[in-house]
Amino acid sequence: MTRGNQRDQDRLRAQKKAAAGKKTKESGASLAKRQERDAELLREKQKKKEAAAAAAEAANKK
């Protein structure tokens, strides 16, 4: 049982390392920019999808 304390110390060190890895390094401003960019891309994608659906519907009516 001479390694008991060493195991506890290693366990604590591993917990600290895991907790440090979970933190995001993005600032609030860059996070907001990324979210806005992603939202704009999704809006464009939705517009393209709606246009394709409208074109397909128009082709079916002819």
N, C-alpha and C. Protein backbone atom coordinates (compact mmCIF):
# COMPACT_ATOMS: atom_id res chain seq x y z
N MET A 1 0.81 -1.19 0.00
CA MET A 1 0.00 0.00 0.00
C MET A 1 0.86 1.26 0.00
N THR A 2 2.04 1.17 -0.44
CA THR A 2 2.89 2.37 -0.47
C THR A 2 2.50 3.29 -1.61
N ARG A 3 1.75 2.76 -2.61
CA ARG A 3 1.37 3.59 -3.75
C ARG A 3 0.02 4.27 -3.55
N GLY A 4 -0.62 4.12 -2.43
CA GLY A 4 -1.95 4.67 -2.23
C GLY A 4 -2.02 6.18 -2.45
N ASN A 5 -1.12 6.91 -1.87
CA ASN A 5 -1.10 8.36 -2.02
C ASN A 5 -0.76 8.75 -3.46
N GLN A 6 0.12 8.03 -4.07
CA GLN A 6 0.51 8.32 -5.45
C GLN A 6 -0.69 8.14 -6.39
N ARG A 7 -1.46 7.11 -6.15
CA ARG A 7 -2.66 6.88 -6.97
C ARG A 7 -3.64 8.03 -6.81
N ASP A 8 -3.83 8.48 -5.58
CA ASP A 8 -4.74 9.60 -5.34
C ASP A 8 -4.25 10.86 -6.04
N GLN A 9 -2.96 11.11 -5.95
CA GLN A 9 -2.39 12.29 -6.60
C GLN A 9 -2.54 12.20 -8.12
N ASP A 10 -2.30 11.03 -8.69
CA ASP A 10 -2.45 10.84 -10.13
C ASP A 10 -3.90 11.02 -10.56
N ARG A 11 -4.82 10.54 -9.75
CA ARG A 11 -6.23 10.68 -10.04
C ARG A 11 -6.63 12.16 -10.05
N LEU A 12 -6.18 12.92 -9.06
CA LEU A 12 -6.46 14.35 -9.00
C LEU A 12 -5.86 15.08 -10.20
N ARG A 13 -4.65 14.72 -10.56
CA ARG A 13 -3.99 15.34 -11.70
C ARG A 13 -4.76 15.05 -12.99
N ALA A 14 -5.24 13.83 -13.14
CA ALA A 14 -6.00 13.46 -14.33
C ALA A 14 -7.33 14.21 -14.38
N GLN A 15 -7.97 14.41 -13.24
CA GLN A 15 -9.23 15.16 -13.20
C GLN A 15 -9.01 16.62 -13.59
N LYS A 16 -7.93 17.21 -13.11
CA LYS A 16 -7.62 18.59 -13.46
C LYS A 16 -7.34 18.72 -14.95
N LYS A 17 -6.62 17.76 -15.50
CA LYS A 17 -6.29 17.78 -16.92
C LYS A 17 -7.55 17.64 -17.77
N ALA A 18 -8.45 16.77 -17.36
CA ALA A 18 -9.70 16.57 -18.10
C ALA A 18 -10.57 17.81 -18.03
N ALA A 19 -10.61 18.45 -16.87
CA ALA A 19 -11.42 19.66 -16.72
C ALA A 19 -10.85 20.80 -17.55
N ALA A 20 -9.54 20.89 -17.64
CA ALA A 20 -8.91 21.95 -18.42
C ALA A 20 -9.16 21.75 -19.91
N GLY A 21 -9.27 20.54 -20.36
CA GLY A 21 -9.49 20.25 -21.77
C GLY A 21 -10.90 20.57 -22.22
N LYS A 22 -11.84 20.65 -21.31
CA LYS A 22 -13.24 20.89 -21.66
C LYS A 22 -13.55 22.37 -21.84
N LYS A 23 -12.69 23.24 -21.39
CA LYS A 23 -12.95 24.67 -21.47
C LYS A 23 -12.80 25.14 -22.92
N THR A 24 -13.69 26.05 -23.32
CA THR A 24 -13.58 26.63 -24.65
C THR A 24 -12.66 27.83 -24.60
N LYS A 25 -11.93 28.03 -25.64
CA LYS A 25 -10.98 29.13 -25.68
C LYS A 25 -11.50 30.26 -26.55
N GLU A 26 -12.79 30.21 -26.90
CA GLU A 26 -13.38 31.22 -27.74
C GLU A 26 -13.88 32.38 -26.89
N SER A 27 -13.60 33.57 -27.33
CA SER A 27 -14.12 34.72 -26.60
C SER A 27 -15.58 34.92 -26.98
N GLY A 28 -16.25 35.75 -26.25
CA GLY A 28 -17.66 36.00 -26.52
C GLY A 28 -17.88 36.62 -27.89
N ALA A 29 -16.99 37.50 -28.30
CA ALA A 29 -17.14 38.17 -29.59
C ALA A 29 -16.95 37.19 -30.74
N SER A 30 -15.93 36.35 -30.66
CA SER A 30 -15.69 35.41 -31.75
C SER A 30 -16.78 34.34 -31.79
N LEU A 31 -17.31 33.99 -30.64
CA LEU A 31 -18.40 33.03 -30.59
C LEU A 31 -19.64 33.61 -31.27
N ALA A 32 -19.92 34.86 -31.00
CA ALA A 32 -21.07 35.52 -31.63
C ALA A 32 -20.88 35.63 -33.13
N LYS A 33 -19.67 35.94 -33.56
CA LYS A 33 -19.39 36.03 -35.00
C LYS A 33 -19.59 34.68 -35.66
N ARG A 34 -19.09 33.63 -35.02
CA ARG A 34 -19.23 32.29 -35.59
C ARG A 34 -20.69 31.89 -35.67
N GLN A 35 -21.45 32.18 -34.63
CA GLN A 35 -22.87 31.84 -34.63
C GLN A 35 -23.61 32.60 -35.72
N GLU A 36 -23.28 33.88 -35.91
CA GLU A 36 -23.93 34.67 -36.96
C GLU A 36 -23.57 34.14 -38.34
N ARG A 37 -22.31 33.78 -38.53
CA ARG A 37 -21.87 33.23 -39.81
C ARG A 37 -22.59 31.91 -40.09
N ASP A 38 -22.68 31.06 -39.10
CA ASP A 38 -23.37 29.78 -39.27
C ASP A 38 -24.85 29.99 -39.58
N ALA A 39 -25.46 30.95 -38.91
CA ALA A 39 -26.87 31.23 -39.15
C ALA A 39 -27.08 31.73 -40.57
N GLU A 40 -26.19 32.58 -41.05
CA GLU A 40 -26.30 33.10 -42.42
C GLU A 40 -26.14 31.97 -43.44
N LEU A 41 -25.22 31.07 -43.19
CA LEU A 41 -25.05 29.92 -44.10
C LEU A 41 -26.31 29.06 -44.13
N LEU A 42 -26.92 28.86 -42.99
CA LEU A 42 -28.14 28.07 -42.94
C LEU A 42 -29.29 28.77 -43.67
N ARG A 43 -29.36 30.11 -43.54
CA ARG A 43 -30.39 30.86 -44.25
C ARG A 43 -30.22 30.71 -45.76
N GLU A 44 -28.98 30.81 -46.23
CA GLU A 44 -28.71 30.66 -47.67
C GLU A 44 -29.08 29.26 -48.14
N LYS A 45 -28.73 28.28 -47.35
CA LYS A 45 -29.05 26.89 -47.70
C LYS A 45 -30.57 26.70 -47.79
N GLN A 46 -31.30 27.29 -46.86
CA GLN A 46 -32.76 27.18 -46.86
C GLN A 46 -33.35 27.86 -48.09
N LYS A 47 -32.81 29.03 -48.47
CA LYS A 47 -33.29 29.73 -49.66
C LYS A 47 -33.08 28.88 -50.91
N LYS A 48 -31.92 28.25 -51.02
CA LYS A 48 -31.63 27.38 -52.17
C LYS A 48 -32.60 26.21 -52.20
N LYS A 49 -32.87 25.65 -51.06
CA LYS A 49 -33.78 24.50 -50.97
C LYS A 49 -35.19 24.92 -51.38
N GLU A 50 -35.64 26.08 -50.91
CA GLU A 50 -36.96 26.58 -51.28
C GLU A 50 -37.05 26.87 -52.77
N ALA A 51 -35.98 27.43 -53.34
CA ALA A 51 -35.96 27.73 -54.77
C ALA A 51 -36.02 26.44 -55.58
N ALA A 52 -35.30 25.43 -55.15
CA ALA A 52 -35.31 24.15 -55.85
C ALA A 52 -36.69 23.50 -55.76
N ALA A 53 -37.34 23.62 -54.62
CA ALA A 53 -38.67 23.05 -54.45
C ALA A 53 -39.68 23.79 -55.32
N ALA A 54 -39.55 25.11 -55.41
CA ALA A 54 -40.45 25.90 -56.24
C ALA A 54 -40.25 25.56 -57.72
N ALA A 55 -39.01 25.36 -58.11
CA ALA A 55 -38.72 25.00 -59.51
C ALA A 55 -39.28 23.62 -59.83
N ALA A 56 -39.16 22.69 -58.91
CA ALA A 56 -39.68 21.36 -59.12
C ALA A 56 -41.20 21.39 -59.18
N GLU A 57 -41.83 22.21 -58.35
CA GLU A 57 -43.28 22.33 -58.36
C GLU A 57 -43.76 22.97 -59.67
N ALA A 58 -43.02 23.97 -60.15
CA ALA A 58 -43.37 24.61 -61.42
C ALA A 58 -43.22 23.64 -62.58
N ALA A 59 -42.21 22.79 -62.52
CA ALA A 59 -41.99 21.81 -63.58
C ALA A 59 -43.11 20.75 -63.57
N ASN A 60 -43.61 20.41 -62.41
CA ASN A 60 -44.68 19.42 -62.29
C ASN A 60 -46.01 19.98 -62.80
N LYS A 61 -46.22 21.28 -62.71
CA LYS A 61 -47.47 21.89 -63.14
C LYS A 61 -47.58 21.98 -64.65
N LYS A 62 -46.45 22.00 -65.34
CA LYS A 62 -46.47 22.12 -66.80
C LYS A 62 -46.89 20.88 -67.45
